[in-house]
PDB file of N, CA and C in Angstrom:
ATOM      1  N   UNK A   1      -9.646-100.871-101.597  1.00  0.00           N
ATOM      2  CA  UNK A   1      -9.455 -99.538-101.091  1.00  0.00           C
ATOM      3  C   UNK A   1     -10.652 -98.657-101.405  1.00  0.00           C
ATOM      4  N   UNK A   2     -11.261 -98.918-102.508  1.00  0.00           N
ATOM      5  CA  UNK A   2     -12.401 -98.144-102.927  1.00  0.00           C
ATOM      6  C   UNK A   2     -13.557 -98.292-101.934  1.00  0.00           C
ATOM      7  N   UNK A   3     -13.771 -99.508-101.440  1.00  0.00           N
ATOM      8  CA  UNK A   3     -14.835 -99.751-100.470  1.00  0.00           C
ATOM      9  C   UNK A   3     -14.525 -99.069 -99.155  1.00  0.00           C
ATOM     10  N   UNK A   4     -13.287 -99.054 -98.765  1.00  0.00           N
ATOM     11  CA  UNK A   4     -12.900 -98.401 -97.518  1.00  0.00           C
ATOM     12  C   UNK A   4     -13.148 -96.896 -97.620  1.00  0.00           C
ATOM     13  N   UNK A   5     -12.876 -96.314 -98.751  1.00  0.00           N
ATOM     14  CA  UNK A   5     -13.108 -94.876 -98.945  1.00  0.00           C
ATOM     15  C   UNK A   5     -14.615 -94.576 -98.913  1.00  0.00           C
ATOM     16  N   UNK A   6     -15.389 -95.452 -99.496  1.00  0.00           N
ATOM     17  CA  UNK A   6     -16.840 -95.261 -99.455  1.00  0.00           C
ATOM     18  C   UNK A   6     -17.373 -95.371 -98.039  1.00  0.00           C
ATOM     19  N   UNK A   7     -16.865 -96.320 -97.265  1.00  0.00           N
ATOM     20  CA  UNK A   7     -17.306 -96.455 -95.871  1.00  0.00           C
ATOM     21  C   UNK A   7     -16.936 -95.223 -95.049  1.00  0.00           C
ATOM     22  N   UNK A   8     -15.765 -94.688 -95.274  1.00  0.00           N
ATOM     23  CA  UNK A   8     -15.342 -93.480 -94.562  1.00  0.00           C
ATOM     24  C   UNK A   8     -16.259 -92.308 -94.955  1.00  0.00           C
ATOM     25  N   UNK A   9     -16.558 -92.226 -96.248  1.00  0.00           N
ATOM     26  CA  UNK A   9     -17.430 -91.142 -96.711  1.00  0.00           C
ATOM     27  C   UNK A   9     -18.831 -91.278 -96.101  1.00  0.00           C
ATOM     28  N   UNK A  10     -19.371 -92.500 -96.083  1.00  0.00           N
ATOM     29  CA  UNK A  10     -20.694 -92.718 -95.495  1.00  0.00           C
ATOM     30  C   UNK A  10     -20.699 -92.403 -94.002  1.00  0.00           C
ATOM     31  N   UNK A  11     -19.617 -92.757 -93.307  1.00  0.00           N
ATOM     32  CA  UNK A  11     -19.524 -92.466 -91.875  1.00  0.00           C
ATOM     33  C   UNK A  11     -19.503 -90.956 -91.650  1.00  0.00           C
ATOM     34  N   UNK A  12     -18.808 -90.225 -92.496  1.00  0.00           N
ATOM     35  CA  UNK A  12     -18.761 -88.770 -92.355  1.00  0.00           C
ATOM     36  C   UNK A  12     -20.146 -88.168 -92.609  1.00  0.00           C
ATOM     37  N   UNK A  13     -20.858 -88.694 -93.618  1.00  0.00           N
ATOM     38  CA  UNK A  13     -22.214 -88.222 -93.889  1.00  0.00           C
ATOM     39  C   UNK A  13     -23.145 -88.517 -92.714  1.00  0.00           C
ATOM     40  N   UNK A  14     -22.993 -89.705 -92.134  1.00  0.00           N
ATOM     41  CA  UNK A  14     -23.814 -90.076 -90.986  1.00  0.00           C
ATOM     42  C   UNK A  14     -23.530 -89.158 -89.806  1.00  0.00           C
ATOM     43  N   UNK A  15     -22.255 -88.889 -89.567  1.00  0.00           N
ATOM     44  CA  UNK A  15     -21.886 -88.012 -88.459  1.00  0.00           C
ATOM     45  C   UNK A  15     -22.410 -86.587 -88.689  1.00  0.00           C
ATOM     46  N   UNK A  16     -22.344 -86.126 -89.910  1.00  0.00           N
ATOM     47  CA  UNK A  16     -22.865 -84.793 -90.225  1.00  0.00           C
ATOM     48  C   UNK A  16     -24.385 -84.741 -90.003  1.00  0.00           C
ATOM     49  N   UNK A  17     -25.071 -85.793 -90.435  1.00  0.00           N
ATOM     50  CA  UNK A  17     -26.521 -85.848 -90.256  1.00  0.00           C
ATOM     51  C   UNK A  17     -26.877 -85.877 -88.765  1.00  0.00           C
ATOM     52  N   UNK A  18     -26.111 -86.645 -87.996  1.00  0.00           N
ATOM     53  CA  UNK A  18     -26.364 -86.733 -86.554  1.00  0.00           C
ATOM     54  C   UNK A  18     -26.123 -85.378 -85.878  1.00  0.00           C
ATOM     55  N   UNK A  19     -25.128 -84.648 -86.348  1.00  0.00           N
ATOM     56  CA  UNK A  19     -24.859 -83.308 -85.812  1.00  0.00           C
ATOM     57  C   UNK A  19     -26.039 -82.373 -86.087  1.00  0.00           C
ATOM     58  N   UNK A  20     -26.603 -82.474 -87.269  1.00  0.00           N
ATOM     59  CA  UNK A  20     -27.764 -81.647 -87.624  1.00  0.00           C
ATOM     60  C   UNK A  20     -28.966 -82.015 -86.751  1.00  0.00           C
ATOM     61  N   UNK A  21     -29.176 -83.311 -86.537  1.00  0.00           N
ATOM     62  CA  UNK A  21     -30.301 -83.756 -85.710  1.00  0.00           C
ATOM     63  C   UNK A  21     -30.135 -83.248 -84.280  1.00  0.00           C
ATOM     64  N   UNK A  22     -28.936 -83.353 -83.729  1.00  0.00           N
ATOM     65  CA  UNK A  22     -28.695 -82.858 -82.360  1.00  0.00           C
ATOM     66  C   UNK A  22     -28.926 -81.357 -82.266  1.00  0.00           C
ATOM     67  N   UNK A  23     -28.487 -80.615 -83.274  1.00  0.00           N
ATOM     68  CA  UNK A  23     -28.707 -79.159 -83.273  1.00  0.00           C
ATOM     69  C   UNK A  23     -30.200 -78.838 -83.325  1.00  0.00           C
ATOM     70  N   UNK A  24     -30.940 -79.598 -84.137  1.00  0.00           N
ATOM     71  CA  UNK A  24     -32.389 -79.391 -84.205  1.00  0.00           C
ATOM     72  C   UNK A  24     -33.059 -79.702 -82.867  1.00  0.00           C
ATOM     73  N   UNK A  25     -32.622 -80.782 -82.209  1.00  0.00           N
ATOM     74  CA  UNK A  25     -33.191 -81.133 -80.908  1.00  0.00           C
ATOM     75  C   UNK A  25     -32.896 -80.063 -79.857  1.00  0.00           C
ATOM     76  N   UNK A  26     -31.690 -79.545 -79.865  1.00  0.00           N
ATOM     77  CA  UNK A  26     -31.340 -78.486 -78.916  1.00  0.00           C
ATOM     78  C   UNK A  26     -32.152 -77.223 -79.181  1.00  0.00           C
ATOM     79  N   UNK A  27     -32.349 -76.892 -80.452  1.00  0.00           N
ATOM     80  CA  UNK A  27     -33.154 -75.720 -80.788  1.00  0.00           C
ATOM     81  C   UNK A  27     -34.607 -75.916 -80.349  1.00  0.00           C
ATOM     82  N   UNK A  28     -35.115 -77.137 -80.492  1.00  0.00           N
ATOM     83  CA  UNK A  28     -36.470 -77.437 -80.057  1.00  0.00           C
ATOM     84  C   UNK A  28     -36.592 -77.319 -78.540  1.00  0.00           C
ATOM     85  N   UNK A  29     -35.606 -77.816 -77.810  1.00  0.00           N
ATOM     86  CA  UNK A  29     -35.639 -77.707 -76.362  1.00  0.00           C
ATOM     87  C   UNK A  29     -35.621 -76.251 -75.914  1.00  0.00           C
ATOM     88  N   UNK A  30     -34.785 -75.446 -76.523  1.00  0.00           N
ATOM     89  CA  UNK A  30     -34.720 -74.021 -76.175  1.00  0.00           C
ATOM     90  C   UNK A  30     -36.051 -73.347 -76.483  1.00  0.00           C
ATOM     91  N   UNK A  31     -36.621 -73.692 -77.625  1.00  0.00           N
ATOM     92  CA  UNK A  31     -37.895 -73.099 -78.016  1.00  0.00           C
ATOM     93  C   UNK A  31     -39.008 -73.487 -77.046  1.00  0.00           C
ATOM     94  N   UNK A  32     -39.031 -74.756 -76.610  1.00  0.00           N
ATOM     95  CA  UNK A  32     -40.050 -75.208 -75.665  1.00  0.00           C
ATOM     96  C   UNK A  32     -39.856 -74.586 -74.287  1.00  0.00           C
ATOM     97  N   UNK A  33     -38.619 -74.312 -73.910  1.00  0.00           N
ATOM     98  CA  UNK A  33     -38.374 -73.650 -72.637  1.00  0.00           C
ATOM     99  C   UNK A  33     -38.879 -72.211 -72.673  1.00  0.00           C
ATOM    100  N   UNK A  34     -38.756 -71.565 -73.816  1.00  0.00           N
ATOM    101  CA  UNK A  34     -39.213 -70.186 -73.942  1.00  0.00           C
ATOM    102  C   UNK A  34     -40.733 -70.107 -73.963  1.00  0.00           C
ATOM    103  N   UNK A  35     -41.357 -71.012 -74.688  1.00  0.00           N
ATOM    104  CA  UNK A  35     -42.811 -71.009 -74.807  1.00  0.00           C
ATOM    105  C   UNK A  35     -43.297 -72.445 -74.806  1.00  0.00           C
ATOM    106  N   UNK A  36     -44.074 -72.818 -73.764  1.00  0.00           N
ATOM    107  CA  UNK A  36     -44.490 -74.199 -73.580  1.00  0.00           C
ATOM    108  C   UNK A  36     -45.543 -74.659 -74.576  1.00  0.00           C
ATOM    109  N   UNK A  37     -45.826 -75.951 -74.510  1.00  0.00           N
ATOM    110  CA  UNK A  37     -46.780 -76.564 -75.433  1.00  0.00           C
ATOM    111  C   UNK A  37     -48.183 -76.014 -75.195  1.00  0.00           C
ATOM    112  N   UNK A  38     -48.565 -75.858 -73.927  1.00  0.00           N
ATOM    113  CA  UNK A  38     -49.897 -75.336 -73.621  1.00  0.00           C
ATOM    114  C   UNK A  38     -50.120 -73.954 -74.209  1.00  0.00           C
ATOM    115  N   UNK A  39     -49.125 -73.113 -74.092  1.00  0.00           N
ATOM    116  CA  UNK A  39     -49.229 -71.759 -74.637  1.00  0.00           C
ATOM    117  C   UNK A  39     -49.311 -71.797 -76.160  1.00  0.00           C
ATOM    118  N   UNK A  40     -48.568 -72.702 -76.778  1.00  0.00           N
ATOM    119  CA  UNK A  40     -48.614 -72.837 -78.232  1.00  0.00           C
ATOM    120  C   UNK A  40     -49.997 -73.299 -78.696  1.00  0.00           C
ATOM    121  N   UNK A  41     -50.587 -74.246 -77.963  1.00  0.00           N
ATOM    122  CA  UNK A  41     -51.923 -74.735 -78.314  1.00  0.00           C
ATOM    123  C   UNK A  41     -52.938 -73.612 -78.165  1.00  0.00           C
ATOM    124  N   UNK A  42     -52.829 -72.850 -77.072  1.00  0.00           N
ATOM    125  CA  UNK A  42     -53.752 -71.736 -76.845  1.00  0.00           C
ATOM    126  C   UNK A  42     -53.640 -70.703 -77.957  1.00  0.00           C
ATOM    127  N   UNK A  43     -52.409 -70.359 -78.336  1.00  0.00           N
ATOM    128  CA  UNK A  43     -52.200 -69.380 -79.405  1.00  0.00           C
ATOM    129  C   UNK A  43     -52.755 -69.888 -80.737  1.00  0.00           C
ATOM    130  N   UNK A  44     -52.537 -71.149 -81.023  1.00  0.00           N
ATOM    131  CA  UNK A  44     -53.023 -71.734 -82.269  1.00  0.00           C
ATOM    132  C   UNK A  44     -54.558 -71.729 -82.307  1.00  0.00           C
ATOM    133  N   UNK A  45     -55.188 -72.084 -81.185  1.00  0.00           N
ATOM    134  CA  UNK A  45     -56.649 -72.083 -81.123  1.00  0.00           C
ATOM    135  C   UNK A  45     -57.193 -70.668 -81.304  1.00  0.00           C
ATOM    136  N   UNK A  46     -56.541 -69.690 -80.705  1.00  0.00           N
ATOM    137  CA  UNK A  46     -56.982 -68.298 -80.852  1.00  0.00           C
ATOM    138  C   UNK A  46     -56.847 -67.842 -82.307  1.00  0.00           C
ATOM    139  N   UNK A  47     -55.764 -68.226 -82.959  1.00  0.00           N
ATOM    140  CA  UNK A  47     -55.574 -67.858 -84.367  1.00  0.00           C
ATOM    141  C   UNK A  47     -56.662 -68.474 -85.244  1.00  0.00           C
ATOM    142  N   UNK A  48     -56.973 -69.756 -85.004  1.00  0.00           N
ATOM    143  CA  UNK A  48     -57.989 -70.429 -85.804  1.00  0.00           C
ATOM    144  C   UNK A  48     -59.371 -69.837 -85.553  1.00  0.00           C
ATOM    145  N   UNK A  49     -59.667 -69.473 -84.308  1.00  0.00           N
ATOM    146  CA  UNK A  49     -60.955 -68.846 -84.003  1.00  0.00           C
ATOM    147  C   UNK A  49     -61.061 -67.489 -84.698  1.00  0.00           C
ATOM    148  N   UNK A  50     -59.973 -66.753 -84.707  1.00  0.00           N
ATOM    149  CA  UNK A  50     -59.963 -65.450 -85.374  1.00  0.00           C
ATOM    150  C   UNK A  50     -60.178 -65.614 -86.881  1.00  0.00           C
ATOM    151  N   UNK A  51     -59.532 -66.606 -87.471  1.00  0.00           N
ATOM    152  CA  UNK A  51     -59.717 -66.868 -88.900  1.00  0.00           C
ATOM    153  C   UNK A  51     -61.153 -67.283 -89.202  1.00  0.00           C
ATOM    154  N   UNK A  52     -61.745 -68.111 -88.337  1.00  0.00           N
ATOM    155  CA  UNK A  52     -63.131 -68.541 -88.533  1.00  0.00           C
ATOM    156  C   UNK A  52     -64.079 -67.349 -88.428  1.00  0.00           C
ATOM    157  N   UNK A  53     -63.824 -66.452 -87.476  1.00  0.00           N
ATOM    158  CA  UNK A  53     -64.654 -65.261 -87.332  1.00  0.00           C
ATOM    159  C   UNK A  53     -64.567 -64.382 -88.585  1.00  0.00           C
ATOM    160  N   UNK A  54     -63.349 -64.194 -89.087  1.00  0.00           N
ATOM    161  CA  UNK A  54     -63.173 -63.399 -90.302  1.00  0.00           C
ATOM    162  C   UNK A  54     -63.926 -64.008 -91.484  1.00  0.00           C
ATOM    163  N   UNK A  55     -63.854 -65.323 -91.609  1.00  0.00           N
ATOM    164  CA  UNK A  55     -64.558 -66.004 -92.696  1.00  0.00           C
ATOM    165  C   UNK A  55     -66.073 -65.866 -92.518  1.00  0.00           C
ATOM    166  N   UNK A  56     -66.549 -65.942 -91.292  1.00  0.00           N
ATOM    167  CA  UNK A  56     -67.976 -65.774 -91.019  1.00  0.00           C
ATOM    168  C   UNK A  56     -68.445 -64.386 -91.420  1.00  0.00           C
ATOM    169  N   UNK A  57     -67.658 -63.379 -91.089  1.00  0.00           N
ATOM    170  CA  UNK A  57     -68.003 -62.002 -91.450  1.00  0.00           C
ATOM    171  C   UNK A  57     -68.053 -61.853 -92.973  1.00  0.00           C
ATOM    172  N   UNK A  58     -67.094 -62.440 -93.668  1.00  0.00           N
ATOM    173  CA  UNK A  58     -67.082 -62.358 -95.133  1.00  0.00           C
ATOM    174  C   UNK A  58     -68.320 -63.007 -95.743  1.00  0.00           C
ATOM    175  N   UNK A  59     -68.669 -64.188 -95.265  1.00  0.00           N
ATOM    176  CA  UNK A  59     -69.832 -64.898 -95.803  1.00  0.00           C
ATOM    177  C   UNK A  59     -71.109 -64.139 -95.481  1.00  0.00           C
ATOM    178  N   UNK A  60     -71.209 -63.622 -94.262  1.00  0.00           N
ATOM    179  CA  UNK A  60     -72.413 -62.881 -93.866  1.00  0.00           C
ATOM    180  C   UNK A  60     -72.578 -61.618 -94.697  1.00  0.00           C
ATOM    181  N   UNK A  61     -71.478 -60.956 -95.022  1.00  0.00           N
ATOM    182  CA  UNK A  61     -71.587 -59.735 -95.826  1.00  0.00           C
ATOM    183  C   UNK A  61     -72.000 -60.045 -97.264  1.00  0.00           C
ATOM    184  N   UNK A  62     -71.677 -61.232 -97.738  1.00  0.00           N
ATOM    185  CA  UNK A  62     -72.073 -61.625 -99.095  1.00  0.00           C
ATOM    186  C   UNK A  62     -73.533 -62.083 -99.156  1.00  0.00           C
ATOM    187  N   UNK A  63     -74.079 -62.589 -98.054  1.00  0.00           N
ATOM    188  CA  UNK A  63     -75.424 -63.167 -98.038  1.00  0.00           C
ATOM    189  C   UNK A  63     -76.268 -62.501 -96.946  1.00  0.00           C
ATOM    190  N   UNK A  64     -76.464 -61.209 -97.053  1.00  0.00           N
ATOM    191  CA  UNK A  64     -77.181 -60.457 -96.020  1.00  0.00           C
ATOM    192  C   UNK A  64     -78.639 -60.881 -95.893  1.00  0.00           C
ATOM    193  N   UNK A  65     -79.296 -61.187 -96.985  1.00  0.00           N
ATOM    194  CA  UNK A  65     -80.698 -61.584 -96.947  1.00  0.00           C
ATOM    195  C   UNK A  65     -80.910 -62.872 -96.181  1.00  0.00           C
ATOM    196  N   UNK A  66     -80.036 -63.850 -96.421  1.00  0.00           N
ATOM    197  CA  UNK A  66     -80.153 -65.136 -95.738  1.00  0.00           C
ATOM    198  C   UNK A  66     -79.907 -64.963 -94.246  1.00  0.00           C
ATOM    199  N   UNK A  67     -78.926 -64.153 -93.891  1.00  0.00           N
ATOM    200  CA  UNK A  67     -78.620 -63.907 -92.482  1.00  0.00           C
ATOM    201  C   UNK A  67     -79.806 -63.212 -91.810  1.00  0.00           C
ATOM    202  N   UNK A  68     -80.396 -62.218 -92.478  1.00  0.00           N
ATOM    203  CA  UNK A  68     -81.539 -61.502 -91.903  1.00  0.00           C
ATOM    204  C   UNK A  68     -82.734 -62.437 -91.720  1.00  0.00           C
ATOM    205  N   UNK A  69     -83.002 -63.284 -92.704  1.00  0.00           N
ATOM    206  CA  UNK A  69     -84.121 -64.219 -92.600  1.00  0.00           C
ATOM    207  C   UNK A  69     -83.892 -65.224 -91.472  1.00  0.00           C
ATOM    208  N   UNK A  70     -82.669 -65.689 -91.331  1.00  0.00           N
ATOM    209  CA  UNK A  70     -82.346 -66.633 -90.263  1.00  0.00           C
ATOM    210  C   UNK A  70     -82.521 -65.979 -88.896  1.00  0.00           C
ATOM    211  N   UNK A  71     -82.036 -64.765 -88.742  1.00  0.00           N
ATOM    212  CA  UNK A  71     -82.196 -64.062 -87.463  1.00  0.00           C
ATOM    213  C   UNK A  71     -83.666 -63.821 -87.153  1.00  0.00           C
ATOM    214  N   UNK A  72     -84.449 -63.430 -88.156  1.00  0.00           N
ATOM    215  CA  UNK A  72     -85.874 -63.213 -87.959  1.00  0.00           C
ATOM    216  C   UNK A  72     -86.570 -64.509 -87.534  1.00  0.00           C
ATOM    217  N   UNK A  73     -86.209 -65.623 -88.163  1.00  0.00           N
ATOM    218  CA  UNK A  73     -86.796 -66.910 -87.796  1.00  0.00           C
ATOM    219  C   UNK A  73     -86.424 -67.293 -86.367  1.00  0.00           C
ATOM    220  N   UNK A  74     -85.186 -67.069 -85.970  1.00  0.00           N
ATOM    221  CA  UNK A  74     -84.771 -67.372 -84.598  1.00  0.00           C
ATOM    222  C   UNK A  74     -85.503 -66.510 -83.583  1.00  0.00           C
ATOM    223  N   UNK A  75     -85.648 -65.236 -83.875  1.00  0.00           N
ATOM    224  CA  UNK A  75     -86.365 -64.336 -82.958  1.00  0.00           C
ATOM    225  C   UNK A  75     -87.821 -64.775 -82.836  1.00  0.00           C
ATOM    226  N   UNK A  76     -88.445 -65.119 -83.967  1.00  0.00           N
ATOM    227  CA  UNK A  76     -89.835 -65.575 -83.934  1.00  0.00           C
ATOM    228  C   UNK A  76     -89.964 -66.866 -83.142  1.00  0.00           C
ATOM    229  N   UNK A  77     -89.000 -67.758 -83.278  1.00  0.00           N
ATOM    230  CA  UNK A  77     -89.054 -69.017 -82.539  1.00  0.00           C
ATOM    231  C   UNK A  77     -88.914 -68.780 -81.041  1.00  0.00           C
ATOM    232  N   UNK A  78     -87.991 -67.907 -80.643  1.00  0.00           N
ATOM    233  CA  UNK A  78     -87.807 -67.629 -79.222  1.00  0.00           C
ATOM    234  C   UNK A  78     -89.023 -66.903 -78.635  1.00  0.00           C
ATOM    235  N   UNK A  79     -89.707 -66.124 -79.437  1.00  0.00           N
ATOM    236  CA  UNK A  79     -90.865 -65.374 -78.955  1.00  0.00           C
ATOM    237  C   UNK A  79     -92.192 -66.034 -79.344  1.00  0.00           C
ATOM    238  N   UNK A  80     -92.178 -67.323 -79.641  1.00  0.00           N
ATOM    239  CA  UNK A  80     -93.387 -67.996 -80.115  1.00  0.00           C
ATOM    240  C   UNK A  80     -94.491 -67.992 -79.068  1.00  0.00           C
ATOM    241  N   UNK A  81     -94.161 -68.092 -77.786  1.00  0.00           N
ATOM    242  CA  UNK A  81     -95.181 -68.054 -76.739  1.00  0.00           C
ATOM    243  C   UNK A  81     -95.866 -66.700 -76.661  1.00  0.00           C
ATOM    244  N   UNK A  82     -95.125 -65.609 -76.515  1.00  0.00           N
ATOM    245  CA  UNK A  82     -95.764 -64.293 -76.474  1.00  0.00           C
ATOM    246  C   UNK A  82     -96.490 -63.934 -77.772  1.00  0.00           C
ATOM    247  N   UNK A  83     -95.960 -64.357 -78.897  1.00  0.00           N
ATOM    248  CA  UNK A  83     -96.634 -64.078 -80.174  1.00  0.00           C
ATOM    249  C   UNK A  83     -97.961 -64.832 -80.235  1.00  0.00           C
ATOM    250  N   UNK A  84     -97.947 -66.091 -79.814  1.00  0.00           N
ATOM    251  CA  UNK A  84     -99.183 -66.880 -79.783  1.00  0.00           C
ATOM    252  C   UNK A  84    -100.200 -66.278 -78.834  1.00  0.00           C
ATOM    253  N   UNK A  85     -99.770 -65.822 -77.681  1.00  0.00           N
ATOM    254  CA  UNK A  85    -100.669 -65.178 -76.723  1.00  0.00           C
ATOM    255  C   UNK A  85    -101.259 -63.905 -77.303  1.00  0.00           C
ATOM    256  N   UNK A  86    -100.456 -63.147 -78.031  1.00  0.00           N
ATOM    257  CA  UNK A  86    -100.954 -61.916 -78.650  1.00  0.00           C
ATOM    258  C   UNK A  86    -102.025 -62.231 -79.686  1.00  0.00           C
ATOM    259  N   UNK A  87    -101.839 -63.271 -80.485  1.00  0.00           N
ATOM    260  CA  UNK A  87    -102.852 -63.650 -81.471  1.00  0.00           C
ATOM    261  C   UNK A  87    -104.129 -64.117 -80.783  1.00  0.00           C
ATOM    262  N   UNK A  88    -103.985 -64.871 -79.696  1.00  0.00           N
ATOM    263  CA  UNK A  88    -105.168 -65.310 -78.960  1.00  0.00           C
ATOM    264  C   UNK A  88    -105.924 -64.120 -78.397  1.00  0.00           C
ATOM    265  N   UNK A  89    -105.212 -63.132 -77.890  1.00  0.00           N
ATOM    266  CA  UNK A  89    -105.864 -61.944 -77.342  1.00  0.00           C
ATOM    267  C   UNK A  89    -106.530 -61.136 -78.451  1.00  0.00           C
ATOM    268  N   UNK A  90    -105.906 -61.063 -79.612  1.00  0.00           N
ATOM    269  CA  UNK A  90    -106.477 -60.292 -80.712  1.00  0.00           C
ATOM    270  C   UNK A  90    -107.713 -60.949 -81.306  1.00  0.00           C
ATOM    271  N   UNK A  91    -107.660 -62.238 -81.520  1.00  0.00           N
ATOM    272  CA  UNK A  91    -108.741 -62.923 -82.205  1.00  0.00           C
ATOM    273  C   UNK A  91    -109.702 -63.623 -81.257  1.00  0.00           C
ATOM    274  N   UNK A  92    -109.368 -63.741 -79.992  1.00  0.00           N
ATOM    275  CA  UNK A  92    -110.259 -64.297 -78.981  1.00  0.00           C
ATOM    276  C   UNK A  92    -110.555 -65.770 -79.138  1.00  0.00           C
ATOM    277  N   UNK A  93    -109.742 -66.500 -79.819  1.00  0.00           N
ATOM    278  CA  UNK A  93    -109.989 -67.929 -80.033  1.00  0.00           C
ATOM    279  C   UNK A  93    -109.611 -68.764 -78.819  1.00  0.00           C
ATOM    280  N   UNK A  94    -108.646 -68.334 -78.056  1.00  0.00           N
ATOM    281  CA  UNK A  94    -108.171 -69.120 -76.926  1.00  0.00           C
ATOM    282  C   UNK A  94    -109.244 -69.311 -75.873  1.00  0.00           C
ATOM    283  N   UNK A  95    -110.097 -68.299 -75.575  1.00  0.00           N
ATOM    284  CA  UNK A  95    -111.117 -68.405 -74.542  1.00  0.00           C
ATOM    285  C   UNK A  95    -112.227 -69.353 -74.959  1.00  0.00           C
ATOM    286  N   UNK A  96    -112.655 -69.313 -76.215  1.00  0.00           N
ATOM    287  CA  UNK A  96    -113.733 -70.176 -76.698  1.00  0.00           C
ATOM    288  C   UNK A  96    -113.328 -71.645 -76.636  1.00  0.00           C
ATOM    289  N   UNK A  97    -112.124 -71.946 -77.054  1.00  0.00           N
ATOM    290  CA  UNK A  97    -111.664 -73.333 -77.047  1.00  0.00           C
ATOM    291  C   UNK A  97    -111.538 -73.858 -75.631  1.00  0.00           C
ATOM    292  N   UNK A  98    -111.077 -73.022 -74.704  1.00  0.00           N
ATOM    293  CA  UNK A  98    -110.939 -73.464 -73.319  1.00  0.00           C
ATOM    294  C   UNK A  98    -112.306 -73.744 -72.703  1.00  0.00           C
ATOM    295  N   UNK A  99    -113.307 -72.923 -73.015  1.00  0.00           N
ATOM    296  CA  UNK A  99    -114.647 -73.140 -72.488  1.00  0.00           C
ATOM    297  C   UNK A  99    -115.227 -74.441 -73.009  1.00  0.00           C
ATOM    298  N   UNK A 100    -115.060 -74.714 -74.301  1.00  0.00           N
ATOM    299  CA  UNK A 100    -115.585 -75.940 -74.888  1.00  0.00           C
ATOM    300  C   UNK A 100    -114.919 -77.167 -74.289  1.00  0.00           C
ATOM    301  N   UNK A 101    -113.625 -77.094 -74.059  1.00  0.00           N
ATOM    302  CA  UNK A 101    -112.914 -78.225 -73.472  1.00  0.00           C
ATOM    303  C   UNK A 101    -113.396 -78.478 -72.055  1.00  0.00           C
ATOM    304  N   UNK A 102    -113.631 -77.428 -71.278  1.00  0.00           N
ATOM    305  CA  UNK A 102    -114.082 -77.600 -69.897  1.00  0.00           C
ATOM    306  C   UNK A 102    -115.496 -78.168 -69.869  1.00  0.00           C
ATOM    307  N   UNK A 103    -116.368 -77.681 -70.725  1.00  0.00           N
ATOM    308  CA  UNK A 103    -117.733 -78.186 -70.757  1.00  0.00           C
ATOM    309  C   UNK A 103    -117.768 -79.647 -71.174  1.00  0.00           C
ATOM    310  N   UNK A 104    -117.000 -80.006 -72.188  1.00  0.00           N
ATOM    311  CA  UNK A 104    -116.958 -81.386 -72.657  1.00  0.00           C
ATOM    312  C   UNK A 104    -116.378 -82.306 -71.600  1.00  0.00           C
ATOM    313  N   UNK A 105    -115.381 -81.868 -70.890  1.00  0.00           N
ATOM    314  CA  UNK A 105    -114.747 -82.673 -69.852  1.00  0.00           C
ATOM    315  C   UNK A 105    -115.677 -82.910 -68.688  1.00  0.00           C
ATOM    316  N   UNK A 106    -116.521 -81.928 -68.311  1.00  0.00           N
ATOM    317  CA  UNK A 106    -117.445 -82.077 -67.194  1.00  0.00           C
ATOM    318  C   UNK A 106    -118.567 -83.043 -67.545  1.00  0.00           C
ATOM    319  N   UNK A 107    -119.037 -83.002 -68.785  1.00  0.00           N
ATOM    320  CA  UNK A 107    -120.138 -83.872 -69.151  1.00  0.00           C
ATOM    321  C   UNK A 107    -119.671 -85.325 -69.193  1.00  0.00           C
ATOM    322  N   UNK A 108    -118.418 -85.576 -69.603  1.00  0.00           N
ATOM    323  CA  UNK A 108    -117.912 -86.944 -69.623  1.00  0.00           C
ATOM    324  C   UNK A 108    -117.790 -87.458 -68.204  1.00  0.00           C
ATOM    325  N   UNK A 109    -117.318 -86.614 -67.309  1.00  0.00           N
ATOM    326  CA  UNK A 109    -117.194 -87.038 -65.918  1.00  0.00           C
ATOM    327  C   UNK A 109    -118.546 -87.262 -65.276  1.00  0.00           C
ATOM    328  N   UNK A 110    -119.538 -86.467 -65.669  1.00  0.00           N
ATOM    329  CA  UNK A 110    -120.882 -86.637 -65.115  1.00  0.00           C
ATOM    330  C   UNK A 110    -121.485 -87.944 -65.586  1.00  0.00           C
ATOM    331  N   UNK A 111    -121.198 -88.394 -66.811  1.00  0.00           N
ATOM    332  CA  UNK A 111    -121.723 -89.656 -67.324  1.00  0.00           C
ATOM    333  C   UNK A 111    -121.169 -90.836 -66.544  1.00  0.00           C
ATOM    334  N   UNK A 112    -119.952 -90.692 -66.055  1.00  0.00           N
ATOM    335  CA  UNK A 112    -119.325 -91.785 -65.308  1.00  0.00           C
ATOM    336  C   UNK A 112    -119.845 -91.841 -63.880  1.00  0.00           C
ATOM    337  N   UNK A 113    -120.590 -90.846 -63.501  1.00  0.00           N
ATOM    338  CA  UNK A 113    -121.097 -90.830 -62.146  1.00  0.00           C
ATOM    339  C   UNK A 113    -120.167 -90.069 -61.216  1.00  0.00           C
ATOM    340  N   UNK A 114    -119.149 -89.443 -61.758  1.00  0.00           N
ATOM    341  CA  UNK A 114    -118.209 -88.652 -60.983  1.00  0.00           C
ATOM    342  C   UNK A 114    -118.752 -87.248 -60.865  1.00  0.00           C
ATOM    343  N   UNK A 115    -118.927 -86.747 -59.714  1.00  0.00           N
ATOM    344  CA  UNK A 115    -119.410 -85.375 -59.523  1.00  0.00           C
ATOM    345  C   UNK A 115    -118.244 -84.491 -59.157  1.00  0.00           C
ATOM    346  N   UNK A 116    -117.638 -83.827 -60.156  1.00  0.00           N
ATOM    347  CA  UNK A 116    -116.535 -82.937 -59.846  1.00  0.00           C
ATOM    348  C   UNK A 116    -116.937 -81.525 -60.023  1.00  0.00           C
TER     349      UNK A 116
END
């Protein structure tokens, strides 16, 4: 009789657990009908991006010198052509080197018998 009582008790526990699982599944279905998976993913991505932005702002405010140096280096890299042209115009080195290269190139071609 003791085993029969235990089996009845286990069956009742199983039925109670199954009732809880069904209730959870129904709640999940209702929740998904109200707000779909795509919307949940979009909201989660937006939250994570916002958190990353906040963390970036915190780190940047703690390390202002490093941020300023990095920005200055990026600006210099993007403007490397105009900066180089400005130095050539100021110091006049670009014209002298171009003349020497043209003269040297013509003499080599003349040695080969090429008249350009």
